[in-house]
Amino acid sequence: MKTRAQLDAGLERLAQMLPPWLESLRHPAQFWPQFRALVEELMVDADPADRAYAERRIKEMLARHGLRPDGSP
């Protein structure tokens, strides 16, 4: 099981990836399946008590870039 520190490190890496990823994206529809796969990878070993925390951080991360977790702009 991932510690909170490991989860935070993974979330930070994901946040750092977003700006260049979004700039080089050819089509917005490509983003969501890839993003969801990365999030699933982060969450698979997360402590159940940390899931709500991680979900909140992910929503905040997306909001900073004008994205919604439901996949709409």
Protein backbone atom coordinates (compact mmCIF):
# COMPACT_ATOMS: atom_id res chain seq x y z
CA MET A 1 0.00 0.00 0.00
CA LYS A 2 1.24 3.49 -0.87
CA THR A 3 2.03 5.92 1.89
CA ARG A 4 0.60 9.45 1.78
CA ALA A 5 4.09 10.69 0.83
CA GLN A 6 4.26 8.28 -2.12
CA LEU A 7 0.77 9.31 -3.21
CA ASP A 8 1.73 12.99 -2.94
CA ALA A 9 4.85 12.39 -5.04
CA GLY A 10 2.79 10.69 -7.74
CA LEU A 11 0.21 13.47 -7.71
CA GLU A 12 2.96 16.07 -7.99
CA ARG A 13 4.49 14.25 -10.98
CA LEU A 14 1.07 14.19 -12.62
CA ALA A 15 0.59 17.92 -11.95
CA GLN A 16 4.00 18.68 -13.49
CA MET A 17 3.14 16.63 -16.58
CA LEU A 18 -0.10 18.49 -17.32
CA PRO A 19 1.12 21.80 -18.81
CA PRO A 20 3.43 20.35 -21.49
CA TRP A 21 1.03 17.47 -22.11
CA LEU A 22 -1.90 19.81 -22.74
CA GLU A 23 0.22 22.06 -24.97
CA SER A 24 1.27 19.20 -27.22
CA LEU A 25 -2.10 17.45 -27.35
CA ARG A 26 -3.31 16.91 -30.90
CA HIS A 27 -6.91 16.23 -29.96
CA PRO A 28 -8.55 16.79 -26.56
CA ALA A 29 -10.34 13.43 -26.70
CA GLN A 30 -6.95 11.71 -26.43
CA PHE A 31 -6.29 13.29 -23.06
CA TRP A 32 -8.99 11.72 -20.92
CA PRO A 33 -8.32 8.00 -21.47
CA GLN A 34 -4.62 8.55 -20.85
CA PHE A 35 -5.21 10.75 -17.82
CA ARG A 36 -7.67 8.27 -16.30
CA ALA A 37 -5.19 5.44 -16.80
CA LEU A 38 -2.51 7.39 -14.93
CA VAL A 39 -4.94 8.24 -12.13
CA GLU A 40 -5.98 4.59 -11.82
CA GLU A 41 -2.33 3.61 -11.58
CA LEU A 42 -1.85 6.10 -8.73
CA MET A 43 -4.98 5.04 -6.89
CA VAL A 44 -4.69 1.26 -7.20
CA ASP A 45 -2.42 0.92 -4.16
CA ALA A 46 -3.57 4.02 -2.31
CA ASP A 47 -4.78 3.67 1.24
CA PRO A 48 -8.59 3.86 1.20
CA ALA A 49 -8.35 6.68 3.75
CA ASP A 50 -6.29 8.71 1.24
CA ARG A 51 -8.59 8.28 -1.76
CA ALA A 52 -10.83 11.29 -1.02
CA TYR A 53 -7.72 13.41 -0.47
CA ALA A 54 -6.25 12.29 -3.81
CA GLU A 55 -9.53 12.84 -5.65
CA ARG A 56 -9.73 16.38 -4.28
CA ARG A 57 -6.15 17.11 -5.38
CA ILE A 58 -6.87 15.74 -8.85
CA LYS A 59 -9.99 17.90 -9.20
CA GLU A 60 -8.01 20.97 -8.11
CA MET A 61 -5.24 20.09 -10.56
CA LEU A 62 -7.68 19.81 -13.43
CA ALA A 63 -9.52 23.00 -12.45
CA ARG A 64 -6.26 24.96 -12.61
CA HIS A 65 -6.10 24.00 -16.28
CA GLY A 66 -9.78 24.61 -17.02
CA LEU A 67 -10.61 20.91 -17.16
CA ARG A 68 -13.42 19.02 -15.47
CA PRO A 69 -13.15 15.45 -14.16
CA ASP A 70 -16.27 14.51 -16.15
CA GLY A 71 -14.29 15.11 -19.35
CA SER A 72 -15.97 18.36 -20.38
CA PRO A 73 -14.07 21.60 -21.02
